[in-house]
Structure formats: structure tokens, C-alpha cells
């Protein structure tokens, strides 16, 4: 992290009681190369660096979606901890489920059409995990936030028009809720609107404040 950025982060850290001096020198690291997570974290106005975690995201046998995202959010944060021994490291993961089946990224137009046909008029569940690891103390905070998305009844014309415009082929569920994908929905139910995009900021702000980092 640039020295100016580090200094700015230090100014946002509360100093009270007998905080160790090293607490004031922690960098903020986002262990993700997701553009959506980067854009969300930028909303907090904190300086941070981005690192790509090398993590096996294969589900364990019998592992349910909430447990999977809980495990992977922590694993991604820990994957870069050795590179950053004095940092607050953010890990995140998200999984969508439909009728208890984990839904992956479509990867192609044809697969995205098939997904949206299945979801038309139905309900999809999103499980968004966030972890904040203090690589000095080794402490980690983890939360999983759940969001329910109810789709409108979609015509073939609407599905094709949406996919041609936004091409969300690397997004689980075949949509971008931060973009035109919102037009596919009948309703969204959840505690944190940013969780659906990929990084639950309300939970993350609580975690940062627990580490004495002020956002406001």
C-alpha cells in the first residue's frame, strides 16, 4: 500500500486504551479480483489493495451452501495472510441456490437462457459470505447474509433482450442486480442490498468497527 494511503487509513483508526502500536499500521486488503466487490468496497472511502487469492472453491461432500460460503470467505482471506502479516484482509464468497441446488455461472449465452427460463416466476436464494481476518492477531470475523430473489414471469423475448444487453455470463443466476438485471425481479428480500451484489457492506462495517476502523 502507498504510504499516503496507509496514512489515510491510520487516521480512520480509533486509538483508545492500550491498543498495540502495530494496530495502527494495518493495511486493508481485498482478497478478491471481482470488479463488483471492488466497486462496493470503494463506497466506504477507505484505501485498500487488491490481491487474488489462490483458493480451491470445490464444495466438500455434503456441504450446504451457507457452510460453503462461510468456509470459502475465510479461506480466501487466509490464502493471502502470509503475504500480508500486518493487515486486515477481506475475503468474500457467494453461492446461489435453486430448489436446494447450487447454481453456477452460466459461462455462455445458451446456458444463461436455460437458467433464466428455469427461474422465471420462481424464487432464487443467495448466500453471501464475508470474512475479516486480522493477520497480526489471527482473529477472524465471519458472517453469511441471505437474500431471496423472486423473478418476474419472463418471456423468451425479455430473456434474450436482457442477455444481449448485459451478457452476465460470469454471474451466478445469469444477471447483474446492480445493472439492468433488476428489471428481471418481482421482489428482493434480505437485510443488506449490497449482499446480493457480492459483498455485504453492513456486516463488513460492523467488522471493521470491531477492529477500530471507522468508516464515518
C-alpha atoms as a PDB file:
ATOM      1  CA  UNK A   1       0.000   0.000   0.000  1.00  0.00           C
ATOM      2  CA  UNK A   2       1.248   3.504  -0.800  1.00  0.00           C
ATOM      3  CA  UNK A   3       2.396   5.485   2.242  1.00  0.00           C
ATOM      4  CA  UNK A   4      -0.233   8.167   1.661  1.00  0.00           C
ATOM      5  CA  UNK A   5      -2.951   5.519   1.551  1.00  0.00           C
ATOM      6  CA  UNK A   6      -1.621   3.878   4.697  1.00  0.00           C
ATOM      7  CA  UNK A   7      -1.590   7.231   6.478  1.00  0.00           C
ATOM      8  CA  UNK A   8      -5.192   7.889   5.447  1.00  0.00           C
ATOM      9  CA  UNK A   9      -6.266   4.514   6.837  1.00  0.00           C
ATOM     10  CA  UNK A  10      -4.417   5.247  10.081  1.00  0.00           C
ATOM     11  CA  UNK A  11      -6.393   8.442  10.516  1.00  0.00           C
ATOM     12  CA  UNK A  12      -9.587   6.382  10.418  1.00  0.00           C
ATOM     13  CA  UNK A  13      -8.470   4.032  13.191  1.00  0.00           C
ATOM     14  CA  UNK A  14      -9.549   4.839  16.738  1.00  0.00           C
ATOM     15  CA  UNK A  15      -6.800   4.875  19.319  1.00  0.00           C
ATOM     16  CA  UNK A  16      -8.138   4.134  22.765  1.00  0.00           C
ATOM     17  CA  UNK A  17      -6.959   2.172  25.766  1.00  0.00           C
ATOM     18  CA  UNK A  18      -3.819   0.135  25.306  1.00  0.00           C
ATOM     19  CA  UNK A  19      -4.003  -0.614  21.584  1.00  0.00           C
ATOM     20  CA  UNK A  20      -0.792  -2.104  20.317  1.00  0.00           C
ATOM     21  CA  UNK A  21       1.141   0.233  18.064  1.00  0.00           C
ATOM     22  CA  UNK A  22       1.083  -2.392  15.305  1.00  0.00           C
ATOM     23  CA  UNK A  23      -2.712  -1.966  15.131  1.00  0.00           C
ATOM     24  CA  UNK A  24      -2.108   1.469  13.634  1.00  0.00           C
ATOM     25  CA  UNK A  25      -0.008   0.039  10.810  1.00  0.00           C
ATOM     26  CA  UNK A  26      -2.503  -2.433   9.375  1.00  0.00           C
ATOM     27  CA  UNK A  27      -3.147  -2.336   5.649  1.00  0.00           C
ATOM     28  CA  UNK A  28      -6.589  -3.122   4.256  1.00  0.00           C
ATOM     29  CA  UNK A  29      -6.580  -5.912   1.666  1.00  0.00           C
ATOM     30  CA  UNK A  30      -9.418  -7.172  -0.510  1.00  0.00           C
ATOM     31  CA  UNK A  31      -8.722 -10.831  -1.285  1.00  0.00           C
ATOM     32  CA  UNK A  32     -10.762 -10.785  -4.472  1.00  0.00           C
ATOM     33  CA  UNK A  33     -10.391  -9.624  -8.050  1.00  0.00           C
ATOM     34  CA  UNK A  34     -14.166  -9.309  -8.517  1.00  0.00           C
ATOM     35  CA  UNK A  35     -14.960  -5.897 -10.035  1.00  0.00           C
ATOM     36  CA  UNK A  36     -18.277  -5.864  -8.174  1.00  0.00           C
ATOM     37  CA  UNK A  37     -16.618  -6.363  -4.783  1.00  0.00           C
ATOM     38  CA  UNK A  38     -14.021  -3.718  -5.603  1.00  0.00           C
ATOM     39  CA  UNK A  39     -16.700  -1.192  -6.542  1.00  0.00           C
ATOM     40  CA  UNK A  40     -18.653  -1.946  -3.372  1.00  0.00           C
ATOM     41  CA  UNK A  41     -15.625  -1.588  -1.110  1.00  0.00           C
ATOM     42  CA  UNK A  42     -14.749   1.706  -2.781  1.00  0.00           C
ATOM     43  CA  UNK A  43     -18.054   3.073  -1.483  1.00  0.00           C
ATOM     44  CA  UNK A  44     -16.632   3.057   2.055  1.00  0.00           C
ATOM     45  CA  UNK A  45     -13.906   5.527   1.089  1.00  0.00           C
ATOM     46  CA  UNK A  46     -11.111   3.504   2.686  1.00  0.00           C
ATOM     47  CA  UNK A  47      -7.796   2.913   0.904  1.00  0.00           C
ATOM     48  CA  UNK A  48      -7.169  -0.742   0.103  1.00  0.00           C
ATOM     49  CA  UNK A  49      -5.134  -3.050  -2.086  1.00  0.00           C
ATOM     50  CA  UNK A  50      -6.420  -5.973  -4.156  1.00  0.00           C
ATOM     51  CA  UNK A  51      -4.879  -9.451  -4.137  1.00  0.00           C
ATOM     52  CA  UNK A  52      -6.067 -12.549  -5.974  1.00  0.00           C
ATOM     53  CA  UNK A  53      -6.451 -15.475  -3.547  1.00  0.00           C
ATOM     54  CA  UNK A  54      -5.490 -18.910  -4.811  1.00  0.00           C
ATOM     55  CA  UNK A  55      -8.284 -20.990  -3.304  1.00  0.00           C
ATOM     56  CA  UNK A  56      -9.891 -24.285  -4.263  1.00  0.00           C
ATOM     57  CA  UNK A  57     -13.624 -23.476  -4.366  1.00  0.00           C
ATOM     58  CA  UNK A  58     -14.799 -27.071  -4.782  1.00  0.00           C
ATOM     59  CA  UNK A  59     -17.626 -27.864  -2.316  1.00  0.00           C
ATOM     60  CA  UNK A  60     -16.929 -30.569   0.229  1.00  0.00           C
ATOM     61  CA  UNK A  61     -19.086 -33.714   0.100  1.00  0.00           C
ATOM     62  CA  UNK A  62     -22.497 -32.920   1.572  1.00  0.00           C
ATOM     63  CA  UNK A  63     -21.581 -29.285   2.221  1.00  0.00           C
ATOM     64  CA  UNK A  64     -24.607 -26.959   2.234  1.00  0.00           C
ATOM     65  CA  UNK A  65     -24.435 -23.572   0.535  1.00  0.00           C
ATOM     66  CA  UNK A  66     -24.257 -21.442   3.740  1.00  0.00           C
ATOM     67  CA  UNK A  67     -21.416 -23.570   5.104  1.00  0.00           C
ATOM     68  CA  UNK A  68     -19.623 -23.431   1.751  1.00  0.00           C
ATOM     69  CA  UNK A  69     -19.579 -19.625   1.550  1.00  0.00           C
ATOM     70  CA  UNK A  70     -18.639 -19.370   5.251  1.00  0.00           C
ATOM     71  CA  UNK A  71     -15.646 -21.655   4.673  1.00  0.00           C
ATOM     72  CA  UNK A  72     -14.534 -20.073   1.399  1.00  0.00           C
ATOM     73  CA  UNK A  73     -14.787 -16.475   2.627  1.00  0.00           C
ATOM     74  CA  UNK A  74     -12.390 -17.339   5.442  1.00  0.00           C
ATOM     75  CA  UNK A  75     -10.172 -19.475   3.188  1.00  0.00           C
ATOM     76  CA  UNK A  76      -9.734 -16.619   0.702  1.00  0.00           C
ATOM     77  CA  UNK A  77      -8.695 -14.230   3.461  1.00  0.00           C
ATOM     78  CA  UNK A  78      -6.245 -16.742   4.917  1.00  0.00           C
ATOM     79  CA  UNK A  79      -4.822 -17.521   1.470  1.00  0.00           C
ATOM     80  CA  UNK A  80      -3.125 -14.109   1.313  1.00  0.00           C
ATOM     81  CA  UNK A  81      -2.306 -13.709   5.010  1.00  0.00           C
ATOM     82  CA  UNK A  82       1.268 -14.942   4.582  1.00  0.00           C
ATOM     83  CA  UNK A  83       1.921 -12.138   2.081  1.00  0.00           C
ATOM     84  CA  UNK A  84       0.473  -9.519   4.421  1.00  0.00           C
ATOM     85  CA  UNK A  85       1.479 -10.194   8.040  1.00  0.00           C
ATOM     86  CA  UNK A  86       0.168  -6.808   9.209  1.00  0.00           C
ATOM     87  CA  UNK A  87      -3.191  -6.368   7.531  1.00  0.00           C
ATOM     88  CA  UNK A  88      -6.947  -6.557   7.771  1.00  0.00           C
ATOM     89  CA  UNK A  89      -7.876  -8.956   4.981  1.00  0.00           C
ATOM     90  CA  UNK A  90     -11.353  -9.176   3.493  1.00  0.00           C
ATOM     91  CA  UNK A  91     -12.499 -12.445   1.963  1.00  0.00           C
ATOM     92  CA  UNK A  92     -15.831 -12.959   0.245  1.00  0.00           C
ATOM     93  CA  UNK A  93     -17.809 -15.678  -1.458  1.00  0.00           C
ATOM     94  CA  UNK A  94     -21.307 -16.048  -2.847  1.00  0.00           C
ATOM     95  CA  UNK A  95     -23.414 -19.004  -3.899  1.00  0.00           C
ATOM     96  CA  UNK A  96     -26.883 -19.095  -5.429  1.00  0.00           C
ATOM     97  CA  UNK A  97     -29.271 -21.978  -4.845  1.00  0.00           C
ATOM     98  CA  UNK A  98     -32.437 -23.001  -6.657  1.00  0.00           C
ATOM     99  CA  UNK A  99     -34.549 -25.798  -5.205  1.00  0.00           C
ATOM    100  CA  UNK A 100     -31.569 -26.658  -2.933  1.00  0.00           C
ATOM    101  CA  UNK A 101     -29.257 -26.998  -5.954  1.00  0.00           C
ATOM    102  CA  UNK A 102     -26.154 -24.805  -6.153  1.00  0.00           C
ATOM    103  CA  UNK A 103     -26.330 -22.686  -9.300  1.00  0.00           C
ATOM    104  CA  UNK A 104     -23.045 -21.899 -11.027  1.00  0.00           C
ATOM    105  CA  UNK A 105     -22.051 -19.228 -13.515  1.00  0.00           C
ATOM    106  CA  UNK A 106     -23.632 -19.917 -16.910  1.00  0.00           C
ATOM    107  CA  UNK A 107     -20.482 -19.253 -18.931  1.00  0.00           C
ATOM    108  CA  UNK A 108     -22.361 -18.964 -22.213  1.00  0.00           C
ATOM    109  CA  UNK A 109     -25.435 -17.371 -23.743  1.00  0.00           C
ATOM    110  CA  UNK A 110     -27.181 -20.706 -24.149  1.00  0.00           C
ATOM    111  CA  UNK A 111     -26.635 -21.705 -20.520  1.00  0.00           C
ATOM    112  CA  UNK A 112     -27.816 -18.280 -19.326  1.00  0.00           C
ATOM    113  CA  UNK A 113     -31.022 -18.631 -21.362  1.00  0.00           C
ATOM    114  CA  UNK A 114     -31.616 -22.039 -19.760  1.00  0.00           C
ATOM    115  CA  UNK A 115     -31.053 -20.613 -16.247  1.00  0.00           C
ATOM    116  CA  UNK A 116     -33.436 -17.682 -16.695  1.00  0.00           C
ATOM    117  CA  UNK A 117     -36.095 -19.974 -18.167  1.00  0.00           C
ATOM    118  CA  UNK A 118     -35.882 -22.087 -15.009  1.00  0.00           C
ATOM    119  CA  UNK A 119     -36.040 -19.050 -12.729  1.00  0.00           C
ATOM    120  CA  UNK A 120     -38.972 -17.345 -14.480  1.00  0.00           C
ATOM    121  CA  UNK A 121     -41.713 -16.785 -11.896  1.00  0.00           C
ATOM    122  CA  UNK A 122     -39.684 -18.659  -9.279  1.00  0.00           C
ATOM    123  CA  UNK A 123     -37.509 -17.876  -6.267  1.00  0.00           C
ATOM    124  CA  UNK A 124     -33.719 -17.992  -6.017  1.00  0.00           C
ATOM    125  CA  UNK A 125     -31.664 -17.892  -2.799  1.00  0.00           C
ATOM    126  CA  UNK A 126     -28.317 -16.135  -2.500  1.00  0.00           C
ATOM    127  CA  UNK A 127     -25.830 -16.802   0.302  1.00  0.00           C
ATOM    128  CA  UNK A 128     -23.112 -14.147   0.607  1.00  0.00           C
ATOM    129  CA  UNK A 129     -20.202 -14.704   2.972  1.00  0.00           C
ATOM    130  CA  UNK A 130     -17.739 -12.080   4.185  1.00  0.00           C
ATOM    131  CA  UNK A 131     -14.710 -12.580   6.427  1.00  0.00           C
ATOM    132  CA  UNK A 132     -12.352 -10.062   8.003  1.00  0.00           C
ATOM    133  CA  UNK A 133      -9.034 -11.518   9.148  1.00  0.00           C
ATOM    134  CA  UNK A 134      -6.570  -9.635  11.331  1.00  0.00           C
ATOM    135  CA  UNK A 135      -3.284 -11.209  10.258  1.00  0.00           C
ATOM    136  CA  UNK A 136      -1.490  -9.833  13.324  1.00  0.00           C
ATOM    137  CA  UNK A 137      -3.760 -11.310  15.985  1.00  0.00           C
ATOM    138  CA  UNK A 138      -5.115 -14.163  13.864  1.00  0.00           C
ATOM    139  CA  UNK A 139      -8.685 -13.289  14.804  1.00  0.00           C
ATOM    140  CA  UNK A 140     -11.324 -13.644  12.109  1.00  0.00           C
ATOM    141  CA  UNK A 141     -14.915 -12.439  11.908  1.00  0.00           C
ATOM    142  CA  UNK A 142     -17.303 -14.157   9.502  1.00  0.00           C
ATOM    143  CA  UNK A 143     -20.926 -13.546   8.552  1.00  0.00           C
ATOM    144  CA  UNK A 144     -23.208 -15.089   5.959  1.00  0.00           C
ATOM    145  CA  UNK A 145     -26.062 -12.924   4.672  1.00  0.00           C
ATOM    146  CA  UNK A 146     -29.049 -14.464   2.896  1.00  0.00           C
ATOM    147  CA  UNK A 147     -31.086 -12.827   0.134  1.00  0.00           C
ATOM    148  CA  UNK A 148     -34.222 -14.101  -1.581  1.00  0.00           C
ATOM    149  CA  UNK A 149     -34.883 -13.033  -5.167  1.00  0.00           C
ATOM    150  CA  UNK A 150     -38.289 -13.589  -6.745  1.00  0.00           C
ATOM    151  CA  UNK A 151     -38.244 -13.417 -10.531  1.00  0.00           C
ATOM    152  CA  UNK A 152     -40.967 -11.991 -12.705  1.00  0.00           C
ATOM    153  CA  UNK A 153     -42.601 -14.248 -15.264  1.00  0.00           C
ATOM    154  CA  UNK A 154     -40.167 -13.755 -18.128  1.00  0.00           C
ATOM    155  CA  UNK A 155     -40.912 -14.136 -21.815  1.00  0.00           C
ATOM    156  CA  UNK A 156     -38.390 -15.502 -24.296  1.00  0.00           C
ATOM    157  CA  UNK A 157     -38.147 -12.015 -25.772  1.00  0.00           C
ATOM    158  CA  UNK A 158     -37.331 -10.466 -22.391  1.00  0.00           C
ATOM    159  CA  UNK A 159     -34.711 -13.113 -21.613  1.00  0.00           C
ATOM    160  CA  UNK A 160     -32.991 -12.674 -24.969  1.00  0.00           C
ATOM    161  CA  UNK A 161     -33.135  -8.866 -24.832  1.00  0.00           C
ATOM    162  CA  UNK A 162     -31.649  -8.771 -21.347  1.00  0.00           C
ATOM    163  CA  UNK A 163     -28.826 -11.208 -22.051  1.00  0.00           C
ATOM    164  CA  UNK A 164     -27.876  -9.458 -25.277  1.00  0.00           C
ATOM    165  CA  UNK A 165     -27.608  -6.129 -23.474  1.00  0.00           C
ATOM    166  CA  UNK A 166     -25.777  -7.145 -20.289  1.00  0.00           C
ATOM    167  CA  UNK A 167     -24.169 -10.507 -21.081  1.00  0.00           C
ATOM    168  CA  UNK A 168     -23.917 -11.659 -17.443  1.00  0.00           C
ATOM    169  CA  UNK A 169     -22.283 -14.951 -18.330  1.00  0.00           C
ATOM    170  CA  UNK A 170     -19.832 -14.871 -15.407  1.00  0.00           C
ATOM    171  CA  UNK A 171     -22.547 -14.164 -12.828  1.00  0.00           C
ATOM    172  CA  UNK A 172     -24.325 -16.867 -10.843  1.00  0.00           C
ATOM    173  CA  UNK A 173     -28.007 -16.636 -11.685  1.00  0.00           C
ATOM    174  CA  UNK A 174     -27.340 -15.022 -15.087  1.00  0.00           C
ATOM    175  CA  UNK A 175     -27.978 -11.443 -14.015  1.00  0.00           C
ATOM    176  CA  UNK A 176     -26.340  -8.326 -12.589  1.00  0.00           C
ATOM    177  CA  UNK A 177     -28.590  -6.865  -9.916  1.00  0.00           C
ATOM    178  CA  UNK A 178     -26.522  -3.667  -9.860  1.00  0.00           C
ATOM    179  CA  UNK A 179     -27.386  -3.174 -13.524  1.00  0.00           C
ATOM    180  CA  UNK A 180     -30.317  -3.966 -15.782  1.00  0.00           C
ATOM    181  CA  UNK A 181     -30.806  -7.304 -14.015  1.00  0.00           C
ATOM    182  CA  UNK A 182     -33.057  -5.513 -11.543  1.00  0.00           C
ATOM    183  CA  UNK A 183     -35.694  -5.486 -14.324  1.00  0.00           C
ATOM    184  CA  UNK A 184     -35.973  -9.280 -14.028  1.00  0.00           C
ATOM    185  CA  UNK A 185     -37.175  -9.211 -10.427  1.00  0.00           C
ATOM    186  CA  UNK A 186     -40.562  -9.159  -8.785  1.00  0.00           C
ATOM    187  CA  UNK A 187     -39.032  -8.629  -5.338  1.00  0.00           C
ATOM    188  CA  UNK A 188     -35.857  -8.854  -3.249  1.00  0.00           C
ATOM    189  CA  UNK A 189     -35.921  -9.807   0.435  1.00  0.00           C
ATOM    190  CA  UNK A 190     -32.865  -9.503   2.645  1.00  0.00           C
ATOM    191  CA  UNK A 191     -31.079  -7.483   5.312  1.00  0.00           C
ATOM    192  CA  UNK A 192     -28.408  -5.931   3.095  1.00  0.00           C
ATOM    193  CA  UNK A 193     -28.896  -4.854  -0.542  1.00  0.00           C
ATOM    194  CA  UNK A 194     -25.144  -4.990  -1.172  1.00  0.00           C
ATOM    195  CA  UNK A 195     -25.037  -8.682  -0.247  1.00  0.00           C
ATOM    196  CA  UNK A 196     -26.771  -9.610  -3.482  1.00  0.00           C
ATOM    197  CA  UNK A 197     -24.070  -7.790  -5.465  1.00  0.00           C
ATOM    198  CA  UNK A 198     -21.369  -9.797  -3.699  1.00  0.00           C
ATOM    199  CA  UNK A 199     -20.043  -8.033  -0.584  1.00  0.00           C
ATOM    200  CA  UNK A 200     -22.319  -7.412   2.436  1.00  0.00           C
ATOM    201  CA  UNK A 201     -21.209  -3.911   3.438  1.00  0.00           C
ATOM    202  CA  UNK A 202     -23.425  -3.619   6.508  1.00  0.00           C
ATOM    203  CA  UNK A 203     -21.791  -6.702   8.016  1.00  0.00           C
ATOM    204  CA  UNK A 204     -18.331  -5.588   6.899  1.00  0.00           C
ATOM    205  CA  UNK A 205     -18.722  -2.154   8.505  1.00  0.00           C
ATOM    206  CA  UNK A 206     -19.552  -3.851  11.816  1.00  0.00           C
ATOM    207  CA  UNK A 207     -16.434  -5.985  11.484  1.00  0.00           C
ATOM    208  CA  UNK A 208     -14.199  -3.016  10.666  1.00  0.00           C
ATOM    209  CA  UNK A 209     -15.530  -1.090  13.648  1.00  0.00           C
ATOM    210  CA  UNK A 210     -14.728  -4.100  15.846  1.00  0.00           C
ATOM    211  CA  UNK A 211     -11.149  -3.687  14.591  1.00  0.00           C
ATOM    212  CA  UNK A 212     -11.382   0.045  15.439  1.00  0.00           C
ATOM    213  CA  UNK A 213     -11.545   1.180  11.821  1.00  0.00           C
ATOM    214  CA  UNK A 214     -14.051   3.982  11.346  1.00  0.00           C
ATOM    215  CA  UNK A 215     -15.933   4.428   8.095  1.00  0.00           C
ATOM    216  CA  UNK A 216     -17.634   7.624   9.266  1.00  0.00           C
END
